[in-house]
Amino acid sequence: MNVFEAVKGNVTTRQAAELYGIPVNRHGMAVCPFHNDKNPSMKVDKRFHCFACQADGDAVDFVSRLFGLPGKEAAMKLADDFSIPYNARKKASIRPKIRAPTPEQRYRQEENRCYKVLSVYFHHLRTWKQQYAPQQPEDEWHPLFVEALQRESHIEYLLDVLLYGTAEEKKALVAEQRKEVIRLERRFADHTAGHDRGRSPGKSGLDR
């Protein structure tokens, strides 16, 4: 089985999009990375099709466009990233030369990263709002419950801008939230590390 057959038989475009940081909503729609998309206009499933710019194809075509790679290199990248075996004609030590991403591709990656991190944070906030809500009027408010009350609406607004805002609004937001995204990533990483080590009861691991 060659690399094209192996990849096309094992990877959908939706799986590839999500792996490379492009969020897909529950309706299978995503903001198209191939034009200045303001609303999710690309249907993503086994294949992809943008109803605005008419970009269309399978997972290999998607990665080829996204990273500016020839078809075979795109297929090999998918095979490597999804650990899919295939019959290679060349020695395994020979790897395709990956082109450096363009400024537009770098921005898209940063925008997708921003959306992903803020989405995870928004999910935490909604969980904390329920999990740490005081049970009695005299109960002391948990810091994470307070944080959820203070931040939930604002983070939801930021996510709406990333999904439905103009290109200028999105770029301004991504630049403005760059440090916050890094801080949240470190916070999540500390939480994961604390989970692995075992944490004392009552500690969420996401306390500031």
C-alpha atoms as a PDB file:
ATOM      1  CA  MET A   1       0.000   0.000   0.000  1.00  0.00           C
ATOM      2  CA  ASN A   2       1.522   3.324  -1.041  1.00  0.00           C
ATOM      3  CA  VAL A   3       1.437   6.442   1.120  1.00  0.00           C
ATOM      4  CA  PHE A   4      -1.595   7.959  -0.652  1.00  0.00           C
ATOM      5  CA  GLU A   5      -3.692   4.817  -0.219  1.00  0.00           C
ATOM      6  CA  ALA A   6      -2.596   4.420   3.401  1.00  0.00           C
ATOM      7  CA  VAL A   7      -3.456   8.004   4.338  1.00  0.00           C
ATOM      8  CA  LYS A   8      -6.732   8.251   2.431  1.00  0.00           C
ATOM      9  CA  GLY A   9      -7.900   4.991   3.970  1.00  0.00           C
ATOM     10  CA  ASN A  10      -7.142   6.081   7.528  1.00  0.00           C
ATOM     11  CA  VAL A  11      -7.441   9.864   7.898  1.00  0.00           C
ATOM     12  CA  THR A  12     -10.424  12.125   7.302  1.00  0.00           C
ATOM     13  CA  THR A  13     -10.033  15.805   6.582  1.00  0.00           C
ATOM     14  CA  ARG A  14     -11.775  16.594   9.861  1.00  0.00           C
ATOM     15  CA  GLN A  15      -9.183  14.598  11.805  1.00  0.00           C
ATOM     16  CA  ALA A  16      -6.385  16.413   9.977  1.00  0.00           C
ATOM     17  CA  ALA A  17      -7.949  19.845  10.530  1.00  0.00           C
ATOM     18  CA  GLU A  18      -8.363  19.264  14.259  1.00  0.00           C
ATOM     19  CA  LEU A  19      -4.823  17.883  14.602  1.00  0.00           C
ATOM     20  CA  TYR A  20      -3.386  21.029  13.004  1.00  0.00           C
ATOM     21  CA  GLY A  21      -5.370  23.364  15.253  1.00  0.00           C
ATOM     22  CA  ILE A  22      -8.392  24.258  13.113  1.00  0.00           C
ATOM     23  CA  PRO A  23     -11.560  24.068  15.246  1.00  0.00           C
ATOM     24  CA  VAL A  24     -14.580  22.339  13.707  1.00  0.00           C
ATOM     25  CA  ASN A  25     -17.977  23.049  15.243  1.00  0.00           C
ATOM     26  CA  ARG A  26     -20.639  20.465  16.010  1.00  0.00           C
ATOM     27  CA  HIS A  27     -22.199  21.023  12.585  1.00  0.00           C
ATOM     28  CA  GLY A  28     -18.948  20.044  10.862  1.00  0.00           C
ATOM     29  CA  MET A  29     -18.183  23.617   9.780  1.00  0.00           C
ATOM     30  CA  ALA A  30     -14.883  25.484  10.159  1.00  0.00           C
ATOM     31  CA  VAL A  31     -13.446  28.875   9.296  1.00  0.00           C
ATOM     32  CA  CYS A  32     -11.696  28.318   5.966  1.00  0.00           C
ATOM     33  CA  PRO A  33      -7.904  28.826   6.249  1.00  0.00           C
ATOM     34  CA  PHE A  34      -7.573  29.347   2.484  1.00  0.00           C
ATOM     35  CA  HIS A  35      -9.233  32.758   2.233  1.00  0.00           C
ATOM     36  CA  ASN A  36     -10.180  35.665   4.488  1.00  0.00           C
ATOM     37  CA  ASP A  37     -13.149  33.844   5.993  1.00  0.00           C
ATOM     38  CA  LYS A  38     -15.348  35.756   8.436  1.00  0.00           C
ATOM     39  CA  ASN A  39     -17.807  32.966   9.223  1.00  0.00           C
ATOM     40  CA  PRO A  40     -17.371  29.178   9.177  1.00  0.00           C
ATOM     41  CA  SER A  41     -17.937  28.449   5.486  1.00  0.00           C
ATOM     42  CA  MET A  42     -15.973  25.227   5.034  1.00  0.00           C
ATOM     43  CA  LYS A  43     -17.680  21.858   5.459  1.00  0.00           C
ATOM     44  CA  VAL A  44     -15.225  19.363   6.920  1.00  0.00           C
ATOM     45  CA  ASP A  45     -15.812  15.615   7.082  1.00  0.00           C
ATOM     46  CA  LYS A  46     -14.060  12.845   5.130  1.00  0.00           C
ATOM     47  CA  ARG A  47     -13.398  15.508   2.493  1.00  0.00           C
ATOM     48  CA  PHE A  48     -13.608  19.299   2.712  1.00  0.00           C
ATOM     49  CA  HIS A  49     -15.431  21.904   0.665  1.00  0.00           C
ATOM     50  CA  CYS A  50     -15.511  25.676   1.141  1.00  0.00           C
ATOM     51  CA  PHE A  51     -18.776  27.205  -0.033  1.00  0.00           C
ATOM     52  CA  ALA A  52     -17.093  30.615  -0.336  1.00  0.00           C
ATOM     53  CA  CYS A  53     -13.768  30.079  -2.149  1.00  0.00           C
ATOM     54  CA  GLN A  54     -14.649  26.615  -3.548  1.00  0.00           C
ATOM     55  CA  ALA A  55     -11.525  24.953  -2.115  1.00  0.00           C
ATOM     56  CA  ASP A  56     -12.224  21.229  -2.223  1.00  0.00           C
ATOM     57  CA  GLY A  57     -10.503  17.895  -1.759  1.00  0.00           C
ATOM     58  CA  ASP A  58      -9.466  15.154   0.622  1.00  0.00           C
ATOM     59  CA  ALA A  59      -7.127  15.150   3.634  1.00  0.00           C
ATOM     60  CA  VAL A  60      -4.002  15.149   1.440  1.00  0.00           C
ATOM     61  CA  ASP A  61      -5.271  18.112  -0.587  1.00  0.00           C
ATOM     62  CA  PHE A  62      -6.116  19.927   2.649  1.00  0.00           C
ATOM     63  CA  VAL A  63      -2.626  19.514   4.131  1.00  0.00           C
ATOM     64  CA  SER A  64      -1.008  20.331   0.796  1.00  0.00           C
ATOM     65  CA  ARG A  65      -2.832  23.675   0.729  1.00  0.00           C
ATOM     66  CA  LEU A  66      -2.412  24.369   4.450  1.00  0.00           C
ATOM     67  CA  PHE A  67       1.371  23.905   4.537  1.00  0.00           C
ATOM     68  CA  GLY A  68       2.230  24.664   0.906  1.00  0.00           C
ATOM     69  CA  LEU A  69       3.486  21.132   0.227  1.00  0.00           C
ATOM     70  CA  PRO A  70       3.463  18.980  -2.912  1.00  0.00           C
ATOM     71  CA  GLY A  71       0.921  16.165  -2.745  1.00  0.00           C
ATOM     72  CA  LYS A  72       3.354  13.390  -1.857  1.00  0.00           C
ATOM     73  CA  GLU A  73       5.032  15.397   0.900  1.00  0.00           C
ATOM     74  CA  ALA A  74       1.614  16.268   2.312  1.00  0.00           C
ATOM     75  CA  ALA A  75       0.667  12.579   2.340  1.00  0.00           C
ATOM     76  CA  MET A  76       3.964  11.669   4.033  1.00  0.00           C
ATOM     77  CA  LYS A  77       3.426  14.375   6.665  1.00  0.00           C
ATOM     78  CA  LEU A  78      -0.009  12.938   7.452  1.00  0.00           C
ATOM     79  CA  ALA A  79       1.409   9.423   7.618  1.00  0.00           C
ATOM     80  CA  ASP A  80       4.116  10.579  10.047  1.00  0.00           C
ATOM     81  CA  ASP A  81       1.790  12.678  12.220  1.00  0.00           C
ATOM     82  CA  PHE A  82      -0.863   9.929  12.449  1.00  0.00           C
ATOM     83  CA  SER A  83       1.705   7.069  12.678  1.00  0.00           C
ATOM     84  CA  ILE A  84       0.305   5.307   9.606  1.00  0.00           C
ATOM     85  CA  PRO A  85       2.542   2.587   8.105  1.00  0.00           C
ATOM     86  CA  TYR A  86       2.992   2.385   4.346  1.00  0.00           C
ATOM     87  CA  ASN A  87       5.315   0.848   1.777  1.00  0.00           C
ATOM     88  CA  ALA A  88       8.004   3.431   1.088  1.00  0.00           C
ATOM     89  CA  ARG A  89      10.182   3.176  -1.988  1.00  0.00           C
ATOM     90  CA  LYS A  90      12.900   5.271  -0.383  1.00  0.00           C
ATOM     91  CA  LYS A  91      14.734   4.602   2.828  1.00  0.00           C
ATOM     92  CA  ALA A  92      12.898   5.654   5.946  1.00  0.00           C
ATOM     93  CA  SER A  93      15.745   7.980   6.913  1.00  0.00           C
ATOM     94  CA  ILE A  94      15.050  10.209   3.913  1.00  0.00           C
ATOM     95  CA  ARG A  95      12.431  12.741   4.945  1.00  0.00           C
ATOM     96  CA  PRO A  96      10.662  15.299   2.781  1.00  0.00           C
ATOM     97  CA  LYS A  97      11.873  18.861   2.886  1.00  0.00           C
ATOM     98  CA  ILE A  98       9.183  20.895   4.601  1.00  0.00           C
ATOM     99  CA  ARG A  99       8.793  24.448   3.407  1.00  0.00           C
ATOM    100  CA  ALA A 100       8.742  27.205   5.996  1.00  0.00           C
ATOM    101  CA  PRO A 101       5.196  28.455   6.607  1.00  0.00           C
ATOM    102  CA  THR A 102       4.213  31.770   5.077  1.00  0.00           C
ATOM    103  CA  PRO A 103       3.350  34.745   7.332  1.00  0.00           C
ATOM    104  CA  GLU A 104      -0.339  34.105   6.621  1.00  0.00           C
ATOM    105  CA  GLN A 105       0.010  30.437   7.611  1.00  0.00           C
ATOM    106  CA  ARG A 106       1.874  31.405  10.795  1.00  0.00           C
ATOM    107  CA  TYR A 107      -0.911  33.829  11.681  1.00  0.00           C
ATOM    108  CA  ARG A 108      -3.558  31.161  11.023  1.00  0.00           C
ATOM    109  CA  GLN A 109      -1.715  28.763  13.318  1.00  0.00           C
ATOM    110  CA  GLU A 110      -1.539  31.405  16.055  1.00  0.00           C
ATOM    111  CA  GLU A 111      -5.222  32.254  15.633  1.00  0.00           C
ATOM    112  CA  ASN A 112      -6.173  28.574  15.873  1.00  0.00           C
ATOM    113  CA  ARG A 113      -3.949  28.168  18.936  1.00  0.00           C
ATOM    114  CA  CYS A 114      -5.614  31.183  20.571  1.00  0.00           C
ATOM    115  CA  TYR A 115      -9.085  29.783  19.868  1.00  0.00           C
ATOM    116  CA  LYS A 116      -8.167  26.333  21.177  1.00  0.00           C
ATOM    117  CA  VAL A 117      -6.668  27.624  24.449  1.00  0.00           C
ATOM    118  CA  LEU A 118      -9.537  30.031  25.120  1.00  0.00           C
ATOM    119  CA  SER A 119     -12.060  27.269  24.367  1.00  0.00           C
ATOM    120  CA  VAL A 120     -10.431  24.990  26.942  1.00  0.00           C
ATOM    121  CA  TYR A 121     -10.393  27.837  29.471  1.00  0.00           C
ATOM    122  CA  PHE A 122     -14.066  28.621  28.787  1.00  0.00           C
ATOM    123  CA  HIS A 123     -14.931  24.967  29.421  1.00  0.00           C
ATOM    124  CA  HIS A 124     -13.063  25.110  32.752  1.00  0.00           C
ATOM    125  CA  LEU A 125     -14.886  28.299  33.749  1.00  0.00           C
ATOM    126  CA  ARG A 126     -18.292  26.749  33.106  1.00  0.00           C
ATOM    127  CA  THR A 127     -17.290  23.662  35.087  1.00  0.00           C
ATOM    128  CA  TRP A 128     -15.995  25.713  38.020  1.00  0.00           C
ATOM    129  CA  LYS A 129     -19.162  27.800  38.091  1.00  0.00           C
ATOM    130  CA  GLN A 130     -21.156  24.664  38.856  1.00  0.00           C
ATOM    131  CA  GLN A 131     -18.600  22.602  40.761  1.00  0.00           C
ATOM    132  CA  TYR A 132     -17.566  25.323  43.230  1.00  0.00           C
ATOM    133  CA  ALA A 133     -20.868  27.151  43.649  1.00  0.00           C
ATOM    134  CA  PRO A 134     -21.586  27.759  47.367  1.00  0.00           C
ATOM    135  CA  GLN A 135     -24.133  25.336  48.780  1.00  0.00           C
ATOM    136  CA  GLN A 136     -25.261  27.602  51.603  1.00  0.00           C
ATOM    137  CA  PRO A 137     -25.568  31.431  51.781  1.00  0.00           C
ATOM    138  CA  GLU A 138     -22.951  31.554  54.528  1.00  0.00           C
ATOM    139  CA  ASP A 139     -20.406  29.434  52.590  1.00  0.00           C
ATOM    140  CA  GLU A 140     -17.160  31.143  51.618  1.00  0.00           C
ATOM    141  CA  TRP A 141     -16.834  31.575  47.854  1.00  0.00           C
ATOM    142  CA  HIS A 142     -14.159  29.404  46.262  1.00  0.00           C
ATOM    143  CA  PRO A 143     -11.558  31.399  44.237  1.00  0.00           C
ATOM    144  CA  LEU A 144     -12.331  29.382  41.086  1.00  0.00           C
ATOM    145  CA  PHE A 145     -16.051  30.133  41.450  1.00  0.00           C
ATOM    146  CA  VAL A 146     -15.201  33.836  41.706  1.00  0.00           C
ATOM    147  CA  GLU A 147     -12.936  33.578  38.659  1.00  0.00           C
ATOM    148  CA  ALA A 148     -15.719  31.899  36.676  1.00  0.00           C
ATOM    149  CA  LEU A 149     -18.166  34.683  37.545  1.00  0.00           C
ATOM    150  CA  GLN A 150     -15.651  37.351  36.556  1.00  0.00           C
ATOM    151  CA  ARG A 151     -14.303  35.808  33.355  1.00  0.00           C
ATOM    152  CA  GLU A 152     -16.918  33.575  31.699  1.00  0.00           C
ATOM    153  CA  SER A 153     -18.776  36.288  29.763  1.00  0.00           C
ATOM    154  CA  HIS A 154     -15.560  37.959  28.603  1.00  0.00           C
ATOM    155  CA  ILE A 155     -14.000  34.723  27.330  1.00  0.00           C
ATOM    156  CA  GLU A 156     -17.242  33.851  25.528  1.00  0.00           C
ATOM    157  CA  TYR A 157     -17.085  37.269  23.836  1.00  0.00           C
ATOM    158  CA  LEU A 158     -13.476  36.647  22.722  1.00  0.00           C
ATOM    159  CA  LEU A 159     -14.451  33.286  21.219  1.00  0.00           C
ATOM    160  CA  ASP A 160     -17.323  34.930  19.336  1.00  0.00           C
ATOM    161  CA  VAL A 161     -14.900  37.476  17.864  1.00  0.00           C
ATOM    162  CA  LEU A 162     -12.559  34.693  16.724  1.00  0.00           C
ATOM    163  CA  LEU A 163     -15.458  32.898  15.048  1.00  0.00           C
ATOM    164  CA  TYR A 164     -17.492  35.775  13.638  1.00  0.00           C
ATOM    165  CA  GLY A 165     -15.383  38.960  13.807  1.00  0.00           C
ATOM    166  CA  THR A 166     -13.745  40.776  10.918  1.00  0.00           C
ATOM    167  CA  ALA A 167     -10.187  39.920   9.916  1.00  0.00           C
ATOM    168  CA  GLU A 168      -8.960  43.126  11.576  1.00  0.00           C
ATOM    169  CA  GLU A 169     -10.807  42.331  14.819  1.00  0.00           C
ATOM    170  CA  LYS A 170      -9.380  38.804  14.897  1.00  0.00           C
ATOM    171  CA  LYS A 171      -5.805  39.964  14.312  1.00  0.00           C
ATOM    172  CA  ALA A 172      -6.101  42.617  17.021  1.00  0.00           C
ATOM    173  CA  LEU A 173      -7.522  40.082  19.474  1.00  0.00           C
ATOM    174  CA  VAL A 174      -4.832  37.470  18.750  1.00  0.00           C
ATOM    175  CA  ALA A 175      -2.087  40.059  19.317  1.00  0.00           C
ATOM    176  CA  GLU A 176      -3.762  41.374  22.470  1.00  0.00           C
ATOM    177  CA  GLN A 177      -4.280  37.895  23.959  1.00  0.00           C
ATOM    178  CA  ARG A 178      -0.835  36.484  23.073  1.00  0.00           C
ATOM    179  CA  LYS A 179       0.570  36.740  26.625  1.00  0.00           C
ATOM    180  CA  GLU A 180      -2.685  35.503  28.153  1.00  0.00           C
ATOM    181  CA  VAL A 181      -2.662  32.429  25.897  1.00  0.00           C
ATOM    182  CA  ILE A 182       0.905  31.602  26.973  1.00  0.00           C
ATOM    183  CA  ARG A 183      -0.053  32.076  30.640  1.00  0.00           C
ATOM    184  CA  LEU A 184      -3.064  29.779  30.287  1.00  0.00           C
ATOM    185  CA  GLU A 185      -1.007  27.120  28.492  1.00  0.00           C
ATOM    186  CA  ARG A 186       1.482  27.126  31.377  1.00  0.00           C
ATOM    187  CA  ARG A 187      -1.369  26.940  33.852  1.00  0.00           C
ATOM    188  CA  PHE A 188      -2.874  23.923  32.064  1.00  0.00           C
ATOM    189  CA  ALA A 189       0.571  22.290  31.860  1.00  0.00           C
ATOM    190  CA  ASP A 190       1.084  22.761  35.614  1.00  0.00           C
ATOM    191  CA  HIS A 191      -2.339  21.228  36.187  1.00  0.00           C
ATOM    192  CA  THR A 192      -1.418  18.181  34.088  1.00  0.00           C
ATOM    193  CA  ALA A 193       1.924  17.803  35.861  1.00  0.00           C
ATOM    194  CA  GLY A 194       0.189  18.041  39.228  1.00  0.00           C
ATOM    195  CA  HIS A 195      -2.258  15.345  38.173  1.00  0.00           C
ATOM    196  CA  ASP A 196       0.627  13.052  37.242  1.00  0.00           C
ATOM    197  CA  ARG A 197       2.364  13.594  40.589  1.00  0.00           C
ATOM    198  CA  GLY A 198      -0.818  13.334  42.628  1.00  0.00           C
ATOM    199  CA  ARG A 199      -2.311  16.384  44.286  1.00  0.00           C
ATOM    200  CA  SER A 200      -3.578  16.899  47.788  1.00  0.00           C
ATOM    201  CA  PRO A 201      -7.379  16.779  48.219  1.00  0.00           C
ATOM    202  CA  GLY A 202      -9.232  20.006  47.534  1.00  0.00           C
ATOM    203  CA  LYS A 203      -6.663  21.324  45.073  1.00  0.00           C
ATOM    204  CA  SER A 204      -7.817  21.736  41.483  1.00  0.00           C
ATOM    205  CA  GLY A 205      -4.344  22.254  40.045  1.00  0.00           C
ATOM    206  CA  LEU A 206      -5.601  25.320  38.185  1.00  0.00           C
ATOM    207  CA  ASP A 207      -5.487  27.728  41.096  1.00  0.00           C
ATOM    208  CA  ARG A 208      -3.701  30.891  40.125  1.00  0.00           C
END
